[in-house]
N, C-alpha and C. Protein backbone atom coordinates (compact mmCIF):
# COMPACT_ATOMS: atom_id res chain seq x y z
N UNK A 1 -17.03 -83.15 -33.39
CA UNK A 1 -15.65 -82.71 -33.04
C UNK A 1 -15.03 -83.38 -31.89
N UNK A 2 -13.60 -83.86 -32.35
CA UNK A 2 -12.97 -84.62 -31.40
C UNK A 2 -12.61 -84.05 -30.10
N UNK A 3 -11.92 -84.59 -29.48
CA UNK A 3 -11.09 -83.94 -28.10
C UNK A 3 -9.94 -83.06 -28.44
N UNK A 4 -9.38 -83.48 -29.66
CA UNK A 4 -8.13 -82.46 -30.01
C UNK A 4 -8.53 -81.29 -30.53
N UNK A 5 -9.63 -81.13 -31.32
CA UNK A 5 -10.29 -79.94 -31.73
C UNK A 5 -10.76 -79.10 -30.59
N UNK A 6 -11.47 -79.79 -29.65
CA UNK A 6 -11.94 -79.16 -28.55
C UNK A 6 -10.79 -78.48 -27.67
N UNK A 7 -9.70 -79.22 -27.44
CA UNK A 7 -8.67 -79.02 -26.70
C UNK A 7 -8.09 -77.58 -27.41
N UNK A 8 -7.85 -77.74 -28.79
CA UNK A 8 -7.41 -76.23 -29.47
C UNK A 8 -8.06 -75.21 -29.33
N UNK A 9 -9.57 -75.32 -29.60
CA UNK A 9 -10.47 -74.14 -29.32
C UNK A 9 -10.45 -73.61 -28.09
N UNK A 10 -10.37 -74.80 -26.53
CA UNK A 10 -10.28 -74.13 -25.47
C UNK A 10 -9.15 -73.38 -25.54
N UNK A 11 -7.86 -73.89 -25.76
CA UNK A 11 -6.97 -73.25 -25.66
C UNK A 11 -6.76 -71.87 -26.24
N UNK A 12 -7.10 -71.70 -27.51
CA UNK A 12 -7.26 -70.57 -28.46
C UNK A 12 -8.03 -69.32 -27.68
N UNK A 13 -9.12 -69.88 -27.19
CA UNK A 13 -10.14 -68.94 -26.26
C UNK A 13 -9.45 -68.39 -25.12
N UNK A 14 -8.57 -69.43 -24.28
CA UNK A 14 -7.86 -69.07 -23.40
C UNK A 14 -6.73 -68.00 -23.73
N UNK A 15 -6.17 -68.00 -24.79
CA UNK A 15 -5.17 -67.44 -25.59
C UNK A 15 -5.69 -65.78 -25.66
N UNK A 16 -6.89 -65.94 -26.12
CA UNK A 16 -7.73 -64.70 -26.61
C UNK A 16 -8.07 -63.95 -25.53
N UNK A 17 -8.32 -64.70 -24.36
CA UNK A 17 -8.89 -64.06 -23.26
C UNK A 17 -7.65 -63.37 -22.33
N UNK A 18 -6.41 -64.27 -22.38
CA UNK A 18 -5.16 -63.68 -21.89
C UNK A 18 -5.00 -62.33 -22.50
N UNK A 19 -4.78 -62.56 -24.19
CA UNK A 19 -4.24 -61.25 -24.59
C UNK A 19 -5.23 -60.08 -24.40
N UNK A 20 -6.50 -60.36 -24.19
CA UNK A 20 -7.68 -59.31 -24.03
C UNK A 20 -7.22 -58.63 -22.81
N UNK A 21 -7.01 -59.60 -21.64
CA UNK A 21 -6.75 -59.09 -20.21
C UNK A 21 -5.22 -58.20 -20.56
N UNK A 22 -4.29 -58.73 -21.39
CA UNK A 22 -3.02 -58.16 -21.48
C UNK A 22 -3.42 -56.57 -21.98
N UNK A 23 -4.08 -56.61 -23.02
CA UNK A 23 -4.35 -55.23 -23.76
C UNK A 23 -4.92 -54.37 -22.82
N UNK A 24 -6.01 -54.89 -22.09
CA UNK A 24 -7.03 -54.17 -20.83
C UNK A 24 -5.86 -53.50 -20.00
N UNK A 25 -4.96 -54.46 -19.70
CA UNK A 25 -4.01 -53.94 -18.63
C UNK A 25 -2.97 -52.92 -19.21
N UNK A 26 -2.48 -53.22 -20.53
CA UNK A 26 -1.67 -52.31 -21.02
C UNK A 26 -2.36 -50.86 -21.16
N UNK A 27 -3.63 -50.88 -21.70
CA UNK A 27 -4.07 -49.55 -21.72
C UNK A 27 -4.39 -48.84 -20.48
N UNK A 28 -4.80 -49.87 -19.40
CA UNK A 28 -4.98 -48.86 -18.01
C UNK A 28 -3.76 -48.36 -17.52
N UNK A 29 -2.54 -49.19 -17.78
CA UNK A 29 -1.24 -48.74 -17.17
C UNK A 29 -0.96 -47.59 -18.01
N UNK A 30 -1.01 -47.26 -19.49
CA UNK A 30 -0.80 -46.09 -20.23
C UNK A 30 -1.53 -45.24 -19.60
N UNK A 31 -2.69 -45.48 -19.47
CA UNK A 31 -3.47 -44.19 -18.84
C UNK A 31 -2.96 -43.83 -17.55
N UNK A 32 -2.74 -44.59 -16.63
CA UNK A 32 -2.12 -44.22 -15.34
C UNK A 32 -0.73 -43.47 -15.48
N UNK A 33 0.04 -43.91 -16.52
CA UNK A 33 1.18 -43.41 -16.65
C UNK A 33 0.96 -41.79 -16.98
N UNK A 34 0.19 -41.78 -17.83
CA UNK A 34 -0.17 -40.50 -18.44
C UNK A 34 -0.60 -39.65 -17.43
N UNK A 35 -1.63 -40.28 -16.68
CA UNK A 35 -2.20 -39.36 -15.67
C UNK A 35 -1.22 -38.85 -14.63
N UNK A 36 -0.39 -39.96 -14.09
CA UNK A 36 0.76 -39.60 -13.33
C UNK A 36 1.49 -38.34 -13.83
N UNK A 37 1.87 -38.69 -15.32
CA UNK A 37 2.86 -37.56 -15.83
C UNK A 37 2.16 -36.28 -15.70
N UNK A 38 0.96 -36.02 -15.81
CA UNK A 38 0.01 -35.11 -16.11
C UNK A 38 -0.09 -34.43 -14.64
N UNK A 39 0.04 -35.24 -13.79
CA UNK A 39 -0.33 -34.76 -12.21
C UNK A 39 1.11 -34.18 -11.89
N UNK A 40 2.15 -34.77 -12.26
CA UNK A 40 3.76 -34.25 -12.09
C UNK A 40 3.85 -33.11 -12.92
N UNK A 41 3.22 -33.19 -13.87
CA UNK A 41 3.37 -31.66 -14.47
C UNK A 41 2.52 -30.45 -13.87
N UNK A 42 1.54 -31.03 -13.68
CA UNK A 42 0.64 -29.75 -13.09
C UNK A 42 1.52 -29.31 -11.67
N UNK A 43 1.94 -30.42 -10.99
CA UNK A 43 2.83 -30.12 -9.78
C UNK A 43 3.84 -29.15 -9.93
N UNK A 44 4.64 -29.39 -11.04
CA UNK A 44 5.76 -28.73 -11.18
C UNK A 44 5.29 -27.45 -11.58
N UNK A 45 4.25 -27.13 -12.32
CA UNK A 45 3.94 -25.86 -12.84
C UNK A 45 3.52 -25.01 -11.85
N UNK A 46 2.66 -25.67 -10.54
CA UNK A 46 2.28 -25.23 -9.25
C UNK A 46 3.39 -24.86 -8.63
N UNK A 47 4.55 -25.55 -8.48
CA UNK A 47 5.86 -25.36 -7.67
C UNK A 47 6.73 -24.17 -8.40
N UNK A 48 6.62 -23.96 -9.83
CA UNK A 48 7.15 -22.68 -10.36
C UNK A 48 6.30 -21.51 -10.02
N UNK A 49 5.00 -21.54 -10.25
CA UNK A 49 4.10 -20.32 -9.95
C UNK A 49 4.30 -20.03 -8.53
N UNK A 50 4.36 -20.93 -7.53
CA UNK A 50 4.58 -20.56 -6.19
C UNK A 50 5.91 -19.66 -5.88
N UNK A 51 6.85 -20.55 -6.62
CA UNK A 51 8.16 -19.60 -6.43
C UNK A 51 8.35 -18.30 -7.04
N UNK A 52 7.57 -18.08 -8.32
CA UNK A 52 7.53 -16.88 -8.67
C UNK A 52 6.76 -15.92 -8.15
N UNK A 53 5.45 -16.42 -7.31
CA UNK A 53 4.71 -15.67 -6.53
C UNK A 53 5.52 -14.93 -5.32
N UNK A 54 6.38 -15.99 -4.76
CA UNK A 54 7.09 -15.60 -3.69
C UNK A 54 8.32 -14.65 -4.13
N UNK A 55 9.01 -14.82 -5.06
CA UNK A 55 9.91 -13.63 -5.56
C UNK A 55 9.14 -12.57 -6.06
N UNK A 56 7.97 -12.44 -6.42
CA UNK A 56 7.34 -11.37 -6.79
C UNK A 56 6.96 -10.30 -5.68
N UNK A 57 6.27 -11.14 -4.51
CA UNK A 57 6.17 -10.46 -3.42
C UNK A 57 7.27 -9.86 -2.72
N UNK A 58 8.19 -10.57 -2.79
CA UNK A 58 9.66 -10.13 -1.78
C UNK A 58 9.87 -8.95 -2.82
N UNK A 59 10.21 -8.76 -3.96
CA UNK A 59 10.39 -7.72 -4.92
C UNK A 59 9.40 -6.56 -4.59
N UNK A 60 8.19 -7.00 -4.46
CA UNK A 60 7.15 -5.85 -4.36
C UNK A 60 7.32 -5.34 -2.86
N UNK A 61 7.63 -6.04 -2.03
CA UNK A 61 8.05 -5.70 -0.46
C UNK A 61 8.96 -4.56 -0.50
N UNK A 62 10.03 -5.03 -1.20
CA UNK A 62 11.05 -4.08 -1.23
C UNK A 62 10.98 -2.90 -1.95
N UNK A 63 10.05 -3.00 -3.00
CA UNK A 63 10.03 -1.66 -3.76
C UNK A 63 9.01 -0.89 -2.89
N UNK A 64 8.11 -1.57 -2.00
CA UNK A 64 7.04 -0.54 -1.38
C UNK A 64 7.95 -0.07 0.09
N UNK A 65 8.68 -0.64 0.32
CA UNK A 65 9.80 -0.27 1.43
C UNK A 65 10.49 0.79 1.12
N UNK A 66 10.99 0.86 -0.28
CA UNK A 66 11.56 2.12 -0.70
C UNK A 66 10.79 3.37 -0.76
N UNK A 67 9.39 3.16 -1.41
CA UNK A 67 8.51 4.31 -1.39
C UNK A 67 8.14 4.88 -0.37
N UNK A 68 7.77 3.59 0.77
CA UNK A 68 7.10 4.13 2.16
C UNK A 68 8.20 4.88 2.79
N UNK A 69 9.61 4.78 2.81
CA UNK A 69 10.78 5.42 3.54
C UNK A 69 10.51 7.01 2.92
N UNK A 70 10.55 6.91 1.46
CA UNK A 70 10.43 8.26 0.89
C UNK A 70 9.22 9.23 1.42
N UNK A 71 8.38 8.21 1.54
CA UNK A 71 6.53 9.02 1.99
C UNK A 71 6.93 9.49 3.64
N UNK A 72 7.27 8.64 4.38
CA UNK A 72 7.63 8.96 6.00
C UNK A 72 8.43 10.15 5.99
N UNK A 73 9.45 10.16 5.12
CA UNK A 73 10.65 11.39 5.31
C UNK A 73 9.80 12.66 4.78
N UNK A 74 8.91 12.29 3.76
CA UNK A 74 8.10 13.73 3.19
C UNK A 74 7.25 14.07 4.39
N UNK A 75 6.36 13.29 4.69
CA UNK A 75 5.48 13.77 5.76
C UNK A 75 5.89 14.14 7.13
N UNK A 76 6.78 13.03 7.50
CA UNK A 76 7.25 13.71 8.83
C UNK A 76 8.12 15.02 8.77
N UNK A 77 8.62 15.63 7.76
CA UNK A 77 9.35 16.86 7.24
C UNK A 77 8.09 17.92 7.40
N UNK A 78 7.09 17.63 6.99
CA UNK A 78 5.98 18.46 7.11
C UNK A 78 5.39 18.88 8.69
N UNK A 79 5.52 17.71 9.20
CA UNK A 79 5.05 17.61 10.52
C UNK A 79 6.11 18.50 11.11
N UNK A 80 7.59 18.37 10.89
CA UNK A 80 8.44 19.29 11.88
C UNK A 80 8.31 20.53 11.42
N UNK A 81 8.38 20.84 10.32
CA UNK A 81 8.04 22.26 9.80
C UNK A 81 7.05 22.98 10.38
N UNK A 82 5.93 22.40 10.66
CA UNK A 82 4.67 23.03 11.00
C UNK A 82 4.38 23.01 12.22
N UNK A 83 5.16 22.07 12.97
CA UNK A 83 4.86 22.08 14.35
C UNK A 83 5.45 23.32 15.32
N UNK A 84 4.80 23.64 16.61
CA UNK A 84 5.50 24.64 17.24
C UNK A 84 6.88 23.89 17.89
N UNK A 85 6.85 22.82 18.23
CA UNK A 85 8.06 22.15 18.77
C UNK A 85 9.30 21.84 17.74
N UNK A 86 8.96 22.41 16.69
CA UNK A 86 9.93 22.23 15.47
C UNK A 86 11.13 22.97 15.56
N UNK A 87 12.18 23.06 14.54
CA UNK A 87 13.12 23.92 14.50
C UNK A 87 12.77 25.21 14.23
N UNK A 88 13.38 26.15 14.85
CA UNK A 88 13.12 27.48 14.58
C UNK A 88 13.64 28.01 13.16
N UNK A 89 12.54 28.26 12.18
CA UNK A 89 12.77 28.80 10.87
C UNK A 89 12.07 30.05 10.42
N UNK A 90 12.84 30.57 9.35
CA UNK A 90 12.04 31.69 8.87
C UNK A 90 10.69 31.50 8.21
N UNK A 91 9.88 32.35 7.97
CA UNK A 91 8.54 31.92 7.13
C UNK A 91 9.05 31.62 5.66
N UNK A 92 10.06 32.30 5.19
CA UNK A 92 10.21 32.04 3.95
C UNK A 92 10.96 30.82 3.53
N UNK A 93 12.04 30.07 4.58
CA UNK A 93 12.33 28.99 4.28
C UNK A 93 11.18 28.08 4.66
N UNK A 94 10.38 28.17 5.73
CA UNK A 94 9.40 27.21 5.80
C UNK A 94 8.44 27.22 4.67
N UNK A 95 8.16 28.17 3.72
CA UNK A 95 7.19 28.05 2.86
C UNK A 95 8.10 27.48 1.62
N UNK A 96 9.12 27.72 1.43
CA UNK A 96 10.03 27.00 0.21
C UNK A 96 10.16 25.55 0.49
N UNK A 97 10.38 25.21 1.61
CA UNK A 97 10.27 23.84 1.88
C UNK A 97 9.23 23.15 1.82
N UNK A 98 7.99 23.69 2.32
CA UNK A 98 6.35 23.03 2.33
C UNK A 98 6.15 23.18 0.86
N UNK A 99 6.47 24.09 -0.02
CA UNK A 99 6.31 23.72 -1.53
C UNK A 99 6.83 22.82 -2.18
N UNK A 100 8.07 22.58 -1.83
CA UNK A 100 8.88 21.37 -2.34
C UNK A 100 8.34 20.17 -1.92
N UNK A 101 8.18 19.87 -0.74
CA UNK A 101 7.38 18.74 0.00
C UNK A 101 5.93 18.73 -0.54
N UNK A 102 5.31 19.67 -0.92
CA UNK A 102 3.80 19.34 -1.55
C UNK A 102 3.96 18.79 -2.87
N UNK A 103 5.19 19.03 -3.57
CA UNK A 103 5.46 18.38 -4.88
C UNK A 103 5.72 16.95 -4.59
N UNK A 104 6.66 16.84 -3.79
CA UNK A 104 7.14 15.57 -3.37
C UNK A 104 5.86 14.24 -2.85
N UNK A 105 5.19 15.04 -2.23
CA UNK A 105 3.99 14.16 -1.64
C UNK A 105 2.70 13.84 -2.61
N UNK A 106 2.69 14.71 -3.51
CA UNK A 106 2.05 14.83 -4.73
C UNK A 106 2.40 13.53 -5.68
N UNK A 107 3.60 13.64 -5.85
CA UNK A 107 4.55 12.50 -6.61
C UNK A 107 4.30 11.04 -5.97
N UNK A 108 4.49 11.13 -4.72
CA UNK A 108 4.72 9.78 -3.96
C UNK A 108 2.98 9.31 -3.90
N UNK A 109 2.21 10.17 -3.65
CA UNK A 109 0.49 9.63 -4.06
C UNK A 109 0.31 8.99 -4.99
N UNK A 110 0.99 9.41 -6.01
CA UNK A 110 0.88 9.01 -7.49
C UNK A 110 1.57 7.49 -7.72
N UNK A 111 2.95 7.58 -7.16
CA UNK A 111 3.40 6.27 -7.20
C UNK A 111 2.98 5.28 -6.16
N UNK A 112 2.05 5.67 -5.23
CA UNK A 112 1.73 4.60 -4.26
C UNK A 112 0.56 4.02 -5.09
N UNK A 113 -0.16 4.36 -6.16
CA UNK A 113 -1.21 3.84 -6.75
C UNK A 113 -0.58 2.62 -7.63
N UNK A 114 0.80 2.47 -7.95
CA UNK A 114 1.36 1.46 -8.41
C UNK A 114 1.16 0.20 -7.36
N UNK A 115 1.12 0.52 -6.28
CA UNK A 115 1.12 -0.72 -5.12
C UNK A 115 -0.23 -0.82 -4.63
N UNK A 116 -1.01 0.35 -4.46
CA UNK A 116 -2.20 0.03 -3.92
C UNK A 116 -3.51 0.54 -4.67
N UNK A 117 -4.02 -0.30 -5.40
CA UNK A 117 -5.14 -0.01 -6.46
C UNK A 117 -6.22 0.26 -5.65
N UNK A 118 -7.14 1.37 -6.37
CA UNK A 118 -8.47 1.91 -5.70
C UNK A 118 -9.28 0.72 -5.38
N UNK A 119 -10.22 1.02 -4.58
CA UNK A 119 -11.57 -0.08 -4.12
C UNK A 119 -12.34 0.08 -5.29
N UNK A 120 -13.04 -0.81 -5.85
CA UNK A 120 -14.07 -1.04 -6.63
C UNK A 120 -15.09 0.15 -6.17
N UNK A 121 -15.98 0.76 -6.78
CA UNK A 121 -16.97 1.97 -6.36
C UNK A 121 -17.43 2.52 -7.78
N UNK A 122 -18.55 3.02 -7.59
CA UNK A 122 -19.09 3.94 -8.47
C UNK A 122 -18.42 4.98 -8.68
N UNK A 123 -17.76 5.67 -7.85
CA UNK A 123 -17.05 6.96 -8.00
C UNK A 123 -16.01 6.95 -9.08
N UNK A 124 -16.00 7.94 -9.92
CA UNK A 124 -14.99 8.21 -11.09
C UNK A 124 -15.12 6.89 -12.23
N UNK A 125 -16.34 6.85 -12.44
CA UNK A 125 -16.40 5.92 -13.79
C UNK A 125 -15.87 5.97 -14.81
N UNK A 126 -15.88 7.35 -15.16
CA UNK A 126 -15.49 8.20 -16.57
C UNK A 126 -14.16 8.17 -16.38
N UNK A 127 -13.19 8.06 -15.29
CA UNK A 127 -11.93 8.40 -15.26
C UNK A 127 -11.03 7.12 -15.95
N UNK A 128 -9.80 7.25 -15.91
CA UNK A 128 -8.85 6.15 -16.36
C UNK A 128 -8.92 5.30 -15.38
N UNK A 129 -8.59 3.83 -15.77
CA UNK A 129 -8.65 2.88 -14.65
C UNK A 129 -8.18 3.10 -13.17
N UNK A 130 -7.07 3.74 -13.36
CA UNK A 130 -6.33 3.71 -11.95
C UNK A 130 -6.88 4.75 -11.06
N UNK A 131 -7.88 5.36 -11.70
CA UNK A 131 -8.55 6.45 -10.71
C UNK A 131 -9.92 6.27 -10.39
N UNK A 132 -10.50 4.89 -11.12
CA UNK A 132 -11.79 4.44 -10.78
C UNK A 132 -12.17 3.96 -9.47
N UNK A 133 -13.07 4.15 -8.88
CA UNK A 133 -13.22 3.81 -7.48
C UNK A 133 -12.67 4.44 -6.27
N UNK A 134 -12.42 4.09 -5.06
CA UNK A 134 -12.35 4.83 -4.17
C UNK A 134 -10.68 4.48 -3.71
N UNK A 135 -9.99 5.77 -3.38
CA UNK A 135 -8.62 5.77 -2.94
C UNK A 135 -8.02 4.97 -1.79
N UNK A 136 -7.56 4.01 -1.90
CA UNK A 136 -7.07 3.27 -0.40
C UNK A 136 -6.60 4.33 0.63
N UNK A 137 -7.34 4.00 1.84
CA UNK A 137 -6.85 4.93 3.15
C UNK A 137 -5.42 5.23 3.29
N UNK A 138 -4.40 4.26 2.67
CA UNK A 138 -3.20 4.26 3.17
C UNK A 138 -2.42 5.56 2.28
N UNK A 139 -3.20 5.80 1.06
CA UNK A 139 -2.76 6.86 0.40
C UNK A 139 -3.62 8.13 0.82
N UNK A 140 -4.79 8.38 1.38
CA UNK A 140 -5.34 9.44 1.86
C UNK A 140 -4.46 10.05 2.70
N UNK A 141 -3.62 9.59 3.56
CA UNK A 141 -2.84 10.23 4.62
C UNK A 141 -1.66 11.04 3.78
N UNK A 142 -1.31 10.33 2.61
CA UNK A 142 -0.25 11.23 1.97
C UNK A 142 -0.98 12.63 1.23
N UNK A 143 -2.22 12.64 0.88
CA UNK A 143 -3.13 13.75 0.30
C UNK A 143 -3.28 14.81 1.56
N UNK A 144 -3.38 14.25 2.88
CA UNK A 144 -3.39 15.02 3.96
C UNK A 144 -2.04 15.86 4.25
N UNK A 145 -1.28 15.16 4.16
CA UNK A 145 0.25 16.01 4.05
C UNK A 145 0.55 16.90 2.97
N UNK A 146 0.07 16.59 1.80
CA UNK A 146 -0.06 17.37 0.30
C UNK A 146 -0.79 18.68 0.72
N UNK A 147 -2.07 18.50 1.32
CA UNK A 147 -2.85 19.55 1.34
C UNK A 147 -2.33 20.63 2.40
N UNK A 148 -1.92 20.24 3.54
CA UNK A 148 -1.40 20.81 4.67
C UNK A 148 0.13 21.62 4.01
N UNK A 149 0.81 21.12 3.34
CA UNK A 149 2.01 21.81 2.83
C UNK A 149 1.56 22.86 1.86
N UNK A 150 0.57 22.26 1.07
CA UNK A 150 0.28 23.39 -0.18
C UNK A 150 -0.42 24.11 0.19
N UNK A 151 -1.33 24.49 1.43
CA UNK A 151 -1.96 25.49 1.70
C UNK A 151 -1.80 26.02 3.16
N UNK A 152 -0.57 25.83 3.60
CA UNK A 152 -0.10 26.24 4.90
C UNK A 152 -0.38 27.70 5.15
N UNK A 153 -0.02 28.58 4.32
CA UNK A 153 -0.45 29.93 4.72
C UNK A 153 -1.71 30.48 4.79
N UNK A 154 -2.52 29.50 4.07
CA UNK A 154 -3.99 29.91 4.06
C UNK A 154 -4.95 29.59 5.10
N UNK A 155 -3.94 28.76 6.16
CA UNK A 155 -4.76 28.37 7.39
C UNK A 155 -4.77 29.43 8.36
N UNK A 156 -4.10 30.53 8.26
CA UNK A 156 -3.99 31.42 9.23
C UNK A 156 -3.97 31.07 10.98
N UNK A 157 -4.86 31.37 11.41
CA UNK A 157 -5.20 31.13 12.92
C UNK A 157 -5.38 29.49 13.07
N UNK A 158 -5.70 28.63 11.98
CA UNK A 158 -5.66 27.35 12.26
C UNK A 158 -4.40 26.63 11.90
N UNK A 159 -3.44 27.17 11.88
CA UNK A 159 -2.42 26.39 11.58
C UNK A 159 -1.90 25.27 12.70
N UNK A 160 -1.99 25.93 14.00
CA UNK A 160 -1.79 24.81 14.95
C UNK A 160 -2.39 23.59 14.87
N UNK A 161 -3.91 23.83 14.43
CA UNK A 161 -4.73 22.56 14.46
C UNK A 161 -4.09 21.92 13.02
N UNK A 162 -3.94 22.44 11.94
CA UNK A 162 -3.38 21.90 10.66
C UNK A 162 -2.35 20.97 10.95
N UNK A 163 -1.33 21.63 11.85
CA UNK A 163 0.07 20.82 12.16
C UNK A 163 -0.38 19.65 12.95
N UNK A 164 -1.41 19.54 13.74
CA UNK A 164 -2.03 18.42 14.39
C UNK A 164 -2.49 17.47 13.76
N UNK A 165 -3.16 17.73 12.53
CA UNK A 165 -4.01 17.01 11.52
C UNK A 165 -2.73 16.01 10.60
N UNK A 166 -1.72 17.02 10.25
CA UNK A 166 -0.92 16.16 9.47
C UNK A 166 0.02 15.10 10.41
N UNK A 167 0.23 15.80 11.54
CA UNK A 167 1.16 14.70 12.56
C UNK A 167 0.41 13.71 12.70
N UNK A 168 -1.07 13.82 12.94
CA UNK A 168 -1.70 12.29 13.00
C UNK A 168 -1.71 11.54 11.74
N UNK A 169 -1.78 12.53 10.60
CA UNK A 169 -1.74 11.35 9.57
C UNK A 169 -0.31 10.72 9.33
N UNK A 170 0.39 11.32 9.47
CA UNK A 170 1.69 10.73 9.54
C UNK A 170 1.85 9.48 10.64
N UNK A 171 1.07 9.62 11.54
CA UNK A 171 1.31 8.25 12.61
C UNK A 171 0.54 7.36 12.06
N UNK A 172 -0.67 7.74 11.48
CA UNK A 172 -1.57 6.68 10.79
C UNK A 172 -0.79 5.95 9.51
N UNK A 173 -0.25 6.85 8.63
CA UNK A 173 0.42 6.27 7.51
C UNK A 173 1.67 5.15 7.95
N UNK A 174 2.46 5.68 8.85
CA UNK A 174 3.59 4.65 9.37
C UNK A 174 2.92 3.60 10.01
N UNK A 175 1.76 3.37 10.65
CA UNK A 175 1.32 2.25 11.29
C UNK A 175 0.67 1.18 10.20
N UNK A 176 0.01 1.84 9.13
CA UNK A 176 -0.18 1.02 7.98
C UNK A 176 0.79 0.48 7.10
N UNK A 177 1.59 1.26 6.70
CA UNK A 177 2.80 0.73 6.12
C UNK A 177 3.59 -0.17 6.92
N UNK A 178 3.82 -0.04 8.44
CA UNK A 178 4.51 -1.13 8.97
C UNK A 178 3.97 -2.61 8.99
N UNK A 179 2.56 -2.43 8.74
CA UNK A 179 2.03 -3.82 8.62
C UNK A 179 2.44 -4.47 7.25
N UNK A 180 2.70 -3.45 6.00
CA UNK A 180 3.20 -4.07 4.88
C UNK A 180 4.56 -4.63 4.61
N UNK A 181 5.52 -3.68 5.29
CA UNK A 181 6.70 -4.04 5.20
C UNK A 181 7.68 -4.39 6.38
N UNK A 182 7.12 -4.07 7.75
CA UNK A 182 7.86 -4.17 8.45
C UNK A 182 7.83 -5.50 9.39
N UNK A 183 9.12 -5.73 9.80
CA UNK A 183 9.26 -7.23 10.46
C UNK A 183 8.34 -7.22 11.64
N UNK A 184 7.85 -8.46 11.95
CA UNK A 184 7.24 -8.89 13.11
C UNK A 184 8.02 -9.30 14.24
N UNK A 185 9.26 -9.65 13.81
CA UNK A 185 10.02 -10.07 14.91
C UNK A 185 11.49 -9.52 14.78
N UNK A 186 12.00 -9.15 15.92
CA UNK A 186 13.50 -8.51 15.84
C UNK A 186 14.45 -9.60 16.10
N UNK A 187 15.70 -9.26 15.54
CA UNK A 187 16.74 -10.29 15.52
C UNK A 187 17.12 -10.52 16.85
N UNK A 188 17.24 -9.27 17.82
CA UNK A 188 17.70 -9.45 19.28
C UNK A 188 16.57 -9.04 20.02
N UNK A 189 16.81 -9.81 21.33
CA UNK A 189 15.48 -9.83 22.23
C UNK A 189 15.50 -8.47 23.01
N UNK A 190 16.59 -7.52 23.05
CA UNK A 190 16.75 -6.69 23.75
C UNK A 190 15.86 -5.40 22.89
N UNK A 191 15.69 -5.45 21.41
CA UNK A 191 14.98 -4.70 20.78
C UNK A 191 13.61 -5.07 20.85
N UNK A 192 13.08 -5.96 21.62
CA UNK A 192 11.77 -6.21 21.83
C UNK A 192 11.26 -5.41 22.97
N UNK A 193 12.03 -4.93 23.94
CA UNK A 193 12.00 -4.28 25.31
C UNK A 193 11.14 -2.99 24.83
N UNK A 194 10.05 -2.63 25.58
CA UNK A 194 9.32 -1.29 25.40
C UNK A 194 10.34 -0.26 25.89
N UNK A 195 10.29 0.79 24.94
CA UNK A 195 10.81 2.05 25.32
C UNK A 195 10.11 2.77 26.71
N UNK A 196 10.60 4.14 26.70
CA UNK A 196 10.06 4.86 27.79
C UNK A 196 9.89 6.08 27.35
N UNK A 197 8.87 7.10 28.27
CA UNK A 197 8.97 8.25 27.76
C UNK A 197 10.05 9.26 27.81
N UNK A 198 10.22 10.02 26.67
CA UNK A 198 11.49 10.62 26.84
C UNK A 198 11.16 12.25 27.19
N UNK A 199 12.09 12.74 28.24
CA UNK A 199 11.79 14.08 28.71
C UNK A 199 13.30 14.62 28.55
N UNK A 200 13.43 15.40 27.32
CA UNK A 200 15.01 15.86 26.97
C UNK A 200 15.61 16.39 28.25
N UNK A 201 14.56 17.29 28.89
CA UNK A 201 15.48 18.21 30.19
C UNK A 201 16.20 17.53 31.02
N UNK A 202 15.16 16.27 31.19
CA UNK A 202 15.86 15.52 32.53
C UNK A 202 17.19 14.69 31.86
N UNK A 203 16.88 14.37 30.73
CA UNK A 203 18.06 13.77 30.35
C UNK A 203 19.67 14.66 30.13
N UNK A 204 19.12 15.99 29.75
CA UNK A 204 20.32 16.89 29.89
C UNK A 204 20.77 17.21 31.23
N UNK A 205 19.82 17.35 32.02
CA UNK A 205 20.26 17.44 33.57
C UNK A 205 20.98 16.37 34.03
N UNK A 206 20.67 15.17 33.75
CA UNK A 206 21.32 14.10 34.14
C UNK A 206 22.80 14.14 33.47
N UNK A 207 22.99 14.57 32.40
CA UNK A 207 24.27 14.64 31.72
C UNK A 207 25.28 15.65 32.54
N UNK A 208 24.49 17.09 33.08
CA UNK A 208 25.08 17.82 33.97
C UNK A 208 25.89 17.37 35.05
N UNK A 209 25.22 16.40 35.70
CA UNK A 209 25.83 15.77 36.91
C UNK A 209 27.46 15.26 36.98
N UNK A 210 27.75 15.44 37.82
CA UNK A 210 29.42 14.98 37.85
C UNK A 210 29.55 13.51 37.74
N UNK A 211 30.21 12.87 36.82
CA UNK A 211 30.44 11.77 36.50
C UNK A 211 31.16 11.20 37.72
N UNK A 212 31.02 9.75 38.44
CA UNK A 212 32.16 9.36 39.03
C UNK A 212 33.62 8.82 38.62
N UNK A 213 34.43 9.13 39.22
CA UNK A 213 35.83 9.12 38.77
C UNK A 213 36.08 7.44 38.62
N UNK A 214 36.73 7.02 37.50
CA UNK A 214 36.98 5.57 37.59
C UNK A 214 38.50 5.02 38.27
């Protein structure tokens, strides 16, 4: 084999090696591009899911806030009607209002199951799924309000204690729901200043005093 043939073979082998290297590079580049496109697709998908989650959480928070305001109104209404310091009302009016509020609180408790699912447990395994397990504590307070409103006449001499029970339930409920929908920070610094004990008689006496003429 002469030198020309050897040179041709050598050049051919070089070209084959170069072509093989090019093919290998092209394959690696294609795989890298596909991998990069897949990563970008996954990133976009995650960003979409994150945005959807934020939107759903904001919607849920708004819905819980509406429900919570209705629940606070119903609970506090029971508190005021049952408390000694509440407005002077006839027994007939009080009983009529408590009956209405018992129905409202029962409905609000059921609506609350849409936002707060039962905790897993063996209790109620044969019941529909929404009632299996243990009811969340936040809904227990509505049940307390319902029971006091529905059974008020049955408490007899224990009514003053029942009134305190529902008052404490309302305070616990408000504290729990505030963590769900309340703002941690206020817009104005003044609204962060702590309040003071209110003595209504002292405030009235202060209003009676003559005001300095301007």
